[in-house]
Amino acid sequence: MVDRFIYLDNASATRLDERVLEAMRPYLFDTYAVATSEFGYSQGIEAREALDEARAALANALGAAPEEFIFTSGSTESSNVALKGVALALGKKKGKHIIVSKIEDFPVLHSAQALEKQGFQVTYLDVDGEGFVDIARLRDSITSETILVSVQHANQEIGTIQDIEAVGRICREKEVLFHTDATHTFTRVPLDIKKIAVDLVTVSAHTIHGPKSTGGLCIRQGTQIAKWVDGGFQEFNLRAGLENIPGAVGFAKAVDLITPEETRHLQEMRDRLIDRMLAEIPHSTLNGPRQKRLPQNANITFHFVEGESMTLHLDMRGFAVSTGSACFSRSLEASHVISGIGGDHERAHGSIRFTFGRYNTMEDVDAVVRALAEIVEELRSISPLGKSEEKEEA
């Protein structure tokens, strides 16, 4: 047992930073009005100014202009708006073909599948054994009917950072719109739309110690996209609904608090965990690349043992991690990402994702390595899967 709960699932959600909460507090209890124009009442004008300042800060972090950034309820809505908004705008004008990678997060994959039911054709790009998209195959997949390519900046499970510069160049050359889901890279891996030919970028606050259910979509000026949620005229008439001003302010504050030193510390913890796990626990395999990897992500398969068993035993010892096992998925399917890189069910079932955040330490790394080494040894000794280990060693 550890003397405190050690949270290592920061890709799912991060603890809210107290400084973010303090920045949000005035817009929860004092300036709580809806955002109004300069012709409205004073509290509404103050709310509008706070919203505009937050928008400018977040747009600037992406190299965009304020009018190129809209707030959403999070990464799920942002990716839905990107794919379905472009489909609605260009489906009848240009074509009904969309390209996505096989290992995209569910907001992109499920949006693509929903568009298929509406008559769109979707190409699901294969990836190699480390999760990288084949750039040549992408080029060959684009047709005269293609309206959008969606390739994530980095994978949510195995941490693979894609070459979105190369993807963007091809899309620009072929006159096809390019969307990238940057939920897990925003502020951690450089992304500047002035330097990369990307038209739509999904970002979210929940992975960087900001408020949950707050995100954004960067839309390059001139991009053809249709309004997807009807109602009012908020967010440049691209997203109807009451603005979440505390969330917007908190999101901007969360971005302001990220430092290069912190990101380096995340990477150091990641590297220490990978080195120790692979060295100290036999029959373990790193999923995803060693280089070109999210600084906060490590994903390892521990063969001959089930991921859900490891997760439950770690929880009993005071650790939180996530697994690619089907038993922890409502879909009852093993990780589509591990399957996408060529892994079988055994590899997916035995995978554990460790993701680090601001409140983790090197001591946390050492503690989880010690705990998991004991757990894996114990589970292998009593599991039928462990017999496979004995045969392999023989």
Protein backbone atom coordinates (compact mmCIF):
# COMPACT_ATOMS: atom_id res chain seq x y z
CA MET A 1 0.00 0.00 0.00
CA VAL A 2 1.08 3.59 -0.60
CA ASP A 3 0.46 6.41 1.84
CA ARG A 4 -1.51 8.43 -0.71
CA PHE A 5 -3.56 7.72 -3.82
CA ILE A 6 -1.32 7.89 -6.89
CA TYR A 7 -3.21 8.93 -9.99
CA LEU A 8 -1.60 7.83 -13.28
CA ASP A 9 -4.54 8.23 -15.67
CA ASN A 10 -4.03 11.88 -16.62
CA ALA A 11 -4.91 11.24 -20.28
CA SER A 12 -8.49 10.57 -19.16
CA ALA A 13 -8.75 13.64 -16.93
CA THR A 14 -6.47 15.76 -14.80
CA ARG A 15 -6.92 17.28 -11.36
CA LEU A 16 -8.04 20.89 -11.57
CA ASP A 17 -5.25 23.27 -10.58
CA GLU A 18 -6.26 25.49 -7.64
CA ARG A 19 -4.98 28.54 -9.53
CA VAL A 20 -7.36 27.70 -12.37
CA LEU A 21 -10.25 27.50 -9.92
CA GLU A 22 -9.33 30.91 -8.48
CA ALA A 23 -9.33 32.43 -11.97
CA MET A 24 -12.78 30.93 -12.60
CA ARG A 25 -14.31 31.86 -9.25
CA PRO A 26 -15.29 35.48 -10.04
CA TYR A 27 -17.26 34.31 -13.09
CA LEU A 28 -19.15 31.80 -11.01
CA PHE A 29 -20.17 34.07 -8.12
CA ASP A 30 -19.66 37.73 -9.10
CA THR A 31 -19.65 38.33 -12.84
CA TYR A 32 -22.09 35.54 -13.65
CA ALA A 33 -24.11 37.25 -16.37
CA VAL A 34 -24.25 36.09 -19.97
CA ALA A 35 -21.82 37.79 -22.32
CA THR A 36 -23.38 40.88 -23.87
CA SER A 37 -22.15 43.50 -26.33
CA GLU A 38 -20.96 47.01 -25.53
CA PHE A 39 -24.61 48.05 -25.67
CA GLY A 40 -25.60 45.73 -22.80
CA TYR A 41 -25.37 46.09 -19.03
CA SER A 42 -22.03 46.35 -17.23
CA GLN A 43 -21.83 42.84 -15.79
CA GLY A 44 -22.58 41.35 -19.21
CA ILE A 45 -19.92 43.54 -20.80
CA GLU A 46 -17.39 42.35 -18.21
CA ALA A 47 -18.32 38.77 -19.00
CA ARG A 48 -17.86 39.45 -22.72
CA GLU A 49 -14.44 40.98 -22.11
CA ALA A 50 -13.36 37.94 -20.08
CA LEU A 51 -14.56 35.63 -22.85
CA ASP A 52 -12.73 37.64 -25.50
CA GLU A 53 -9.50 37.68 -23.49
CA ALA A 54 -9.65 33.93 -22.97
CA ARG A 55 -10.33 33.35 -26.67
CA ALA A 56 -7.39 35.54 -27.68
CA ALA A 57 -5.04 33.70 -25.31
CA LEU A 58 -6.05 30.26 -26.55
CA ALA A 59 -5.93 31.28 -30.20
CA ASN A 60 -2.49 32.77 -29.68
CA ALA A 61 -1.29 29.46 -28.19
CA LEU A 62 -2.13 27.86 -31.55
CA GLY A 63 -0.77 30.68 -33.70
CA ALA A 64 -4.30 31.65 -34.70
CA ALA A 65 -6.36 34.84 -34.66
CA PRO A 66 -9.11 35.17 -32.02
CA GLU A 67 -11.84 34.92 -34.65
CA GLU A 68 -10.43 31.52 -35.67
CA PHE A 69 -11.16 29.93 -32.29
CA ILE A 70 -14.54 28.82 -30.96
CA PHE A 71 -15.30 27.36 -27.54
CA THR A 72 -17.02 23.99 -27.24
CA SER A 73 -18.01 21.59 -24.47
CA GLY A 74 -14.82 19.58 -24.99
CA SER A 75 -12.83 17.51 -27.47
CA THR A 76 -15.79 15.27 -28.32
CA GLU A 77 -17.92 18.16 -29.53
CA SER A 78 -14.97 19.81 -31.29
CA SER A 79 -14.20 16.75 -33.40
CA ASN A 80 -17.90 16.19 -34.13
CA VAL A 81 -18.24 19.78 -35.30
CA ALA A 82 -15.11 19.49 -37.44
CA LEU A 83 -16.13 16.33 -39.30
CA LYS A 84 -19.88 16.84 -39.49
CA GLY A 85 -19.64 20.58 -40.08
CA VAL A 86 -17.33 20.09 -43.06
CA ALA A 87 -19.48 17.24 -44.36
CA LEU A 88 -22.57 19.42 -44.16
CA ALA A 89 -20.82 22.31 -45.90
CA LEU A 90 -19.05 20.40 -48.67
CA GLY A 91 -20.90 17.11 -49.06
CA LYS A 92 -23.14 18.36 -51.84
CA LYS A 93 -20.64 20.81 -53.33
CA LYS A 94 -17.48 18.75 -53.72
CA GLY A 95 -17.86 15.13 -52.66
CA LYS A 96 -18.62 12.66 -49.91
CA HIS A 97 -15.26 11.06 -49.18
CA ILE A 98 -13.45 11.40 -45.85
CA ILE A 99 -10.17 9.86 -44.68
CA VAL A 100 -9.33 9.06 -41.04
CA SER A 101 -6.69 6.86 -39.43
CA LYS A 102 -7.74 3.57 -37.87
CA ILE A 103 -6.47 4.57 -34.42
CA GLU A 104 -8.26 7.91 -34.02
CA ASP A 105 -10.04 8.55 -30.75
CA PHE A 106 -13.75 7.73 -30.67
CA PRO A 107 -15.10 11.25 -31.36
CA VAL A 108 -13.46 11.10 -34.80
CA LEU A 109 -14.09 7.41 -35.50
CA HIS A 110 -17.72 7.49 -34.41
CA SER A 111 -18.37 10.73 -36.32
CA ALA A 112 -16.94 9.09 -39.44
CA GLN A 113 -19.13 6.03 -38.88
CA ALA A 114 -22.19 8.26 -38.43
CA LEU A 115 -21.41 10.00 -41.72
CA GLU A 116 -21.13 6.62 -43.44
CA LYS A 117 -24.74 5.99 -42.50
CA GLN A 118 -25.61 9.24 -44.26
CA GLY A 119 -24.03 8.13 -47.52
CA PHE A 120 -20.43 9.29 -47.07
CA GLN A 121 -17.53 7.05 -48.01
CA VAL A 122 -14.82 6.74 -45.35
CA THR A 123 -11.31 5.42 -45.86
CA TYR A 124 -9.74 4.12 -42.64
CA LEU A 125 -5.98 4.42 -43.01
CA ASP A 126 -3.79 1.62 -41.70
CA VAL A 127 -0.88 2.41 -39.38
CA ASP A 128 2.40 0.60 -38.86
CA GLY A 129 3.50 -1.34 -35.79
CA GLU A 130 4.26 1.85 -33.86
CA GLY A 131 1.08 3.65 -34.88
CA PHE A 132 2.40 5.88 -37.66
CA VAL A 133 0.24 6.67 -40.68
CA ASP A 134 1.71 5.69 -44.05
CA ILE A 135 2.10 9.07 -45.77
CA ALA A 136 2.36 7.53 -49.24
CA ARG A 137 -0.85 5.56 -48.69
CA LEU A 138 -2.57 8.73 -47.52
CA ARG A 139 -1.60 10.48 -50.74
CA ASP A 140 -2.89 7.57 -52.82
CA SER A 141 -6.19 7.51 -50.90
CA ILE A 142 -7.16 11.08 -51.76
CA THR A 143 -9.58 11.34 -54.69
CA SER A 144 -11.45 14.13 -56.41
CA GLU A 145 -14.34 13.40 -54.02
CA THR A 146 -12.27 13.78 -50.84
CA ILE A 147 -13.29 16.73 -48.68
CA LEU A 148 -11.50 16.08 -45.38
CA VAL A 149 -8.60 14.19 -43.84
CA SER A 150 -8.54 13.70 -40.05
CA VAL A 151 -5.30 12.43 -38.53
CA GLN A 152 -4.67 12.97 -34.83
CA HIS A 153 -1.62 14.89 -33.65
CA ALA A 154 -0.87 12.16 -31.12
CA ASN A 155 -2.58 8.95 -30.10
CA GLN A 156 -4.53 8.83 -26.86
CA GLU A 157 -3.43 5.30 -25.92
CA ILE A 158 0.07 4.61 -27.21
CA GLY A 159 1.33 8.20 -27.48
CA THR A 160 2.45 8.14 -31.13
CA ILE A 161 3.07 11.67 -32.44
CA GLN A 162 2.13 11.80 -36.13
CA ASP A 163 3.97 13.78 -38.79
CA ILE A 164 1.13 16.24 -39.26
CA GLU A 165 3.39 18.61 -41.19
CA ALA A 166 3.67 15.99 -43.93
CA VAL A 167 -0.07 15.26 -43.75
CA GLY A 168 -0.81 18.96 -44.02
CA ARG A 169 1.43 19.42 -47.05
CA ILE A 170 -0.35 16.64 -48.91
CA CYS A 171 -3.78 17.99 -48.01
CA ARG A 172 -2.84 21.49 -49.13
CA GLU A 173 -1.39 20.15 -52.37
CA LYS A 174 -4.57 18.15 -53.03
CA GLU A 175 -6.85 21.01 -51.89
CA VAL A 176 -8.40 18.90 -49.14
CA LEU A 177 -9.23 20.16 -45.65
CA PHE A 178 -7.16 18.75 -42.78
CA HIS A 179 -8.38 18.26 -39.19
CA THR A 180 -6.17 17.11 -36.34
CA ASP A 181 -7.19 16.10 -32.83
CA ALA A 182 -4.60 17.78 -30.59
CA THR A 183 -6.33 16.93 -27.31
CA HIS A 184 -3.23 15.25 -25.88
CA THR A 185 -0.55 17.45 -27.44
CA PHE A 186 -1.91 20.95 -26.86
CA THR A 187 0.71 22.92 -24.87
CA ARG A 188 2.93 19.80 -24.59
CA VAL A 189 4.02 19.40 -28.23
CA PRO A 190 4.51 22.44 -30.52
CA LEU A 191 1.60 23.16 -32.86
CA ASP A 192 1.37 26.44 -34.78
CA ILE A 193 -1.17 26.77 -37.59
CA LYS A 194 0.94 29.51 -39.17
CA LYS A 195 3.63 26.89 -39.75
CA ILE A 196 1.55 23.77 -40.39
CA ALA A 197 -1.09 23.46 -43.10
CA VAL A 198 -3.89 22.38 -40.78
CA ASP A 199 -7.41 23.78 -41.12
CA LEU A 200 -9.16 22.51 -37.99
CA VAL A 201 -7.64 21.69 -34.59
CA THR A 202 -9.42 20.07 -31.65
CA VAL A 203 -8.20 21.02 -28.16
CA SER A 204 -9.48 20.48 -24.63
CA ALA A 205 -8.87 21.75 -21.09
CA HIS A 206 -9.41 18.46 -19.26
CA THR A 207 -5.94 17.07 -20.07
CA ILE A 208 -3.97 20.10 -18.84
CA HIS A 209 -5.41 20.64 -15.34
CA GLY A 210 -8.21 22.84 -16.62
CA PRO A 211 -11.98 22.43 -16.17
CA LYS A 212 -13.78 19.42 -17.60
CA SER A 213 -16.36 19.88 -20.36
CA THR A 214 -14.45 22.83 -21.80
CA GLY A 215 -12.72 22.68 -25.15
CA GLY A 216 -12.21 24.48 -28.39
CA LEU A 217 -11.99 24.16 -32.13
CA CYS A 218 -9.54 26.23 -34.12
CA ILE A 219 -10.94 26.90 -37.59
CA ARG A 220 -8.58 28.49 -40.09
CA GLN A 221 -10.09 31.56 -41.69
CA GLY A 222 -11.79 30.68 -44.97
CA THR A 223 -12.49 27.06 -44.04
CA GLN A 224 -15.92 25.99 -45.24
CA ILE A 225 -17.81 24.58 -42.27
CA ALA A 226 -21.51 24.57 -41.45
CA LYS A 227 -23.18 25.31 -38.14
CA TRP A 228 -23.97 22.01 -36.46
CA VAL A 229 -25.88 23.00 -33.30
CA ASP A 230 -28.81 25.34 -33.96
CA GLY A 231 -30.14 27.97 -31.60
CA GLY A 232 -28.56 31.36 -30.96
CA PHE A 233 -25.76 33.19 -32.70
CA GLN A 234 -22.91 32.56 -30.28
CA GLU A 235 -19.32 31.71 -31.28
CA PHE A 236 -19.39 33.66 -34.56
CA ASN A 237 -22.68 31.93 -35.34
CA LEU A 238 -20.92 28.56 -35.48
CA ARG A 239 -22.08 27.14 -32.16
CA ALA A 240 -25.36 28.01 -30.51
CA GLY A 241 -25.64 27.90 -26.74
CA LEU A 242 -24.82 29.86 -23.63
CA GLU A 243 -21.09 30.53 -23.38
CA ASN A 244 -19.28 28.79 -20.53
CA ILE A 245 -17.37 31.85 -19.37
CA PRO A 246 -15.88 30.31 -16.19
CA GLY A 247 -14.73 27.36 -18.29
CA ALA A 248 -13.21 29.60 -20.96
CA VAL A 249 -11.35 31.65 -18.36
CA GLY A 250 -10.16 28.48 -16.65
CA PHE A 251 -8.99 26.98 -19.94
CA ALA A 252 -6.90 30.06 -20.71
CA LYS A 253 -5.42 30.04 -17.22
CA ALA A 254 -4.54 26.35 -17.51
CA VAL A 255 -2.64 27.06 -20.73
CA ASP A 256 -0.83 29.96 -19.10
CA LEU A 257 0.42 27.69 -16.31
CA ILE A 258 2.10 25.13 -18.60
CA THR A 259 5.89 25.46 -18.69
CA PRO A 260 8.63 23.73 -20.70
CA GLU A 261 10.19 22.62 -17.40
CA GLU A 262 7.03 20.82 -16.40
CA THR A 263 6.81 19.04 -19.76
CA ARG A 264 10.45 17.93 -19.42
CA HIS A 265 9.63 16.53 -15.98
CA LEU A 266 6.73 14.55 -17.45
CA GLN A 267 9.06 13.11 -20.06
CA GLU A 268 11.64 12.18 -17.43
CA MET A 269 8.99 10.31 -15.44
CA ARG A 270 7.80 8.58 -18.61
CA ASP A 271 11.31 7.46 -19.52
CA ARG A 272 12.08 6.22 -16.01
CA LEU A 273 8.89 4.18 -15.93
CA ILE A 274 9.50 2.62 -19.35
CA ASP A 275 13.13 1.80 -18.54
CA ARG A 276 12.33 0.21 -15.19
CA MET A 277 9.22 -1.68 -16.31
CA LEU A 278 10.93 -3.25 -19.33
CA ALA A 279 14.05 -4.08 -17.33
CA GLU A 280 12.44 -5.39 -14.16
CA ILE A 281 9.28 -7.15 -15.36
CA PRO A 282 9.94 -10.04 -17.78
CA HIS A 283 7.83 -10.46 -20.91
CA SER A 284 6.79 -6.80 -21.17
CA THR A 285 6.45 -4.90 -24.43
CA LEU A 286 6.28 -1.16 -25.06
CA ASN A 287 3.32 -0.19 -27.24
CA GLY A 288 4.07 2.71 -29.57
CA PRO A 289 7.41 4.31 -30.40
CA ARG A 290 10.20 5.09 -27.97
CA GLN A 291 10.85 8.38 -29.77
CA LYS A 292 8.19 10.68 -31.29
CA ARG A 293 6.03 9.91 -28.28
CA LEU A 294 3.87 12.05 -26.01
CA PRO A 295 5.99 13.22 -23.08
CA GLN A 296 3.36 12.11 -20.55
CA ASN A 297 2.48 8.70 -21.98
CA ALA A 298 3.72 5.14 -21.45
CA ASN A 299 1.76 2.09 -22.60
CA ILE A 300 3.11 -1.38 -21.85
CA THR A 301 1.78 -4.88 -22.38
CA PHE A 302 2.57 -7.38 -19.65
CA HIS A 303 2.19 -10.73 -21.35
CA PHE A 304 0.48 -13.75 -19.75
CA VAL A 305 -1.64 -11.62 -17.42
CA GLU A 306 -4.96 -9.78 -17.85
CA GLY A 307 -5.12 -6.00 -17.81
CA GLU A 308 -8.28 -5.81 -15.72
CA SER A 309 -6.69 -7.95 -13.01
CA MET A 310 -3.63 -5.70 -12.88
CA THR A 311 -5.81 -2.59 -12.79
CA LEU A 312 -7.95 -3.87 -9.93
CA HIS A 313 -4.94 -4.98 -7.90
CA LEU A 314 -3.24 -1.63 -8.47
CA ASP A 315 -6.40 0.15 -7.35
CA MET A 316 -6.45 -1.87 -4.14
CA ARG A 317 -2.87 -0.71 -3.54
CA GLY A 318 -3.74 2.95 -4.22
CA PHE A 319 -2.89 3.44 -7.91
CA ALA A 320 -5.10 4.54 -10.82
CA VAL A 321 -4.20 3.43 -14.35
CA SER A 322 -6.18 2.42 -17.44
CA THR A 323 -6.17 -0.74 -19.51
CA GLY A 324 -6.91 -1.76 -23.08
CA SER A 325 -8.81 -4.80 -21.86
CA ALA A 326 -12.32 -5.42 -23.17
CA CYS A 327 -13.60 -5.95 -19.62
CA PHE A 328 -13.05 -2.25 -18.97
CA SER A 329 -14.86 -1.19 -22.16
CA ARG A 330 -18.60 -0.87 -22.54
CA SER A 331 -18.21 -1.97 -26.15
CA LEU A 332 -16.75 -5.29 -24.90
CA GLU A 333 -14.08 -4.97 -27.57
CA ALA A 334 -10.37 -4.90 -26.91
CA SER A 335 -8.42 -1.71 -27.69
CA HIS A 336 -8.85 -0.74 -31.34
CA VAL A 337 -5.48 1.01 -31.10
CA ILE A 338 -3.52 -2.09 -30.07
CA SER A 339 -5.38 -4.04 -32.74
CA GLY A 340 -4.60 -1.28 -35.23
CA ILE A 341 -0.84 -1.64 -34.71
CA GLY A 342 -1.04 -5.38 -35.28
CA GLY A 343 -1.48 -6.54 -31.71
CA ASP A 344 -3.59 -9.59 -30.94
CA HIS A 345 -6.18 -9.88 -28.17
CA GLU A 346 -3.60 -11.13 -25.70
CA ARG A 347 -1.46 -8.03 -26.24
CA ALA A 348 -4.45 -5.72 -25.94
CA HIS A 349 -5.80 -7.50 -22.85
CA GLY A 350 -2.47 -7.22 -21.09
CA SER A 351 -1.85 -3.55 -21.85
CA ILE A 352 -1.68 -0.83 -19.21
CA ARG A 353 -1.51 2.91 -19.93
CA PHE A 354 0.33 5.17 -17.51
CA THR A 355 -0.10 8.92 -18.06
CA PHE A 356 1.53 11.59 -15.95
CA GLY A 357 0.47 15.03 -14.80
CA ARG A 358 1.54 18.01 -12.75
CA TYR A 359 1.05 16.33 -9.39
CA ASN A 360 3.09 13.20 -10.08
CA THR A 361 6.63 12.62 -8.84
CA MET A 362 9.55 10.29 -9.49
CA GLU A 363 8.60 8.56 -6.24
CA ASP A 364 5.24 7.73 -7.85
CA VAL A 365 7.08 6.07 -10.73
CA ASP A 366 9.20 3.93 -8.43
CA ALA A 367 6.19 3.01 -6.30
CA VAL A 368 4.09 1.80 -9.22
CA VAL A 369 7.00 -0.19 -10.67
CA ARG A 370 7.51 -1.99 -7.37
CA ALA A 371 3.82 -2.65 -6.94
CA LEU A 372 3.26 -3.90 -10.48
CA ALA A 373 6.29 -6.18 -10.40
CA GLU A 374 4.78 -7.93 -7.38
CA ILE A 375 1.28 -8.00 -8.88
CA VAL A 376 2.40 -9.43 -12.22
CA GLU A 377 4.47 -12.14 -10.56
CA GLU A 378 1.54 -13.09 -8.33
CA LEU A 379 -1.04 -13.10 -11.12
CA ARG A 380 1.15 -15.12 -13.46
CA SER A 381 1.66 -17.74 -10.77
CA ILE A 382 -2.07 -18.40 -10.41
CA SER A 383 -3.30 -17.69 -13.94
CA PRO A 384 -3.66 -20.23 -16.79
CA LEU A 385 -1.97 -17.59 -18.94
CA GLY A 386 1.12 -18.01 -16.80
CA LYS A 387 1.51 -21.55 -18.16
CA SER A 388 2.21 -19.94 -21.56
CA GLU A 389 5.07 -18.04 -19.95
CA GLU A 390 6.56 -21.23 -18.55
CA LYS A 391 6.35 -22.93 -21.95
CA GLU A 392 7.95 -19.94 -23.67
CA GLU A 393 10.85 -19.92 -21.22
CA ALA A 394 11.31 -23.68 -21.62
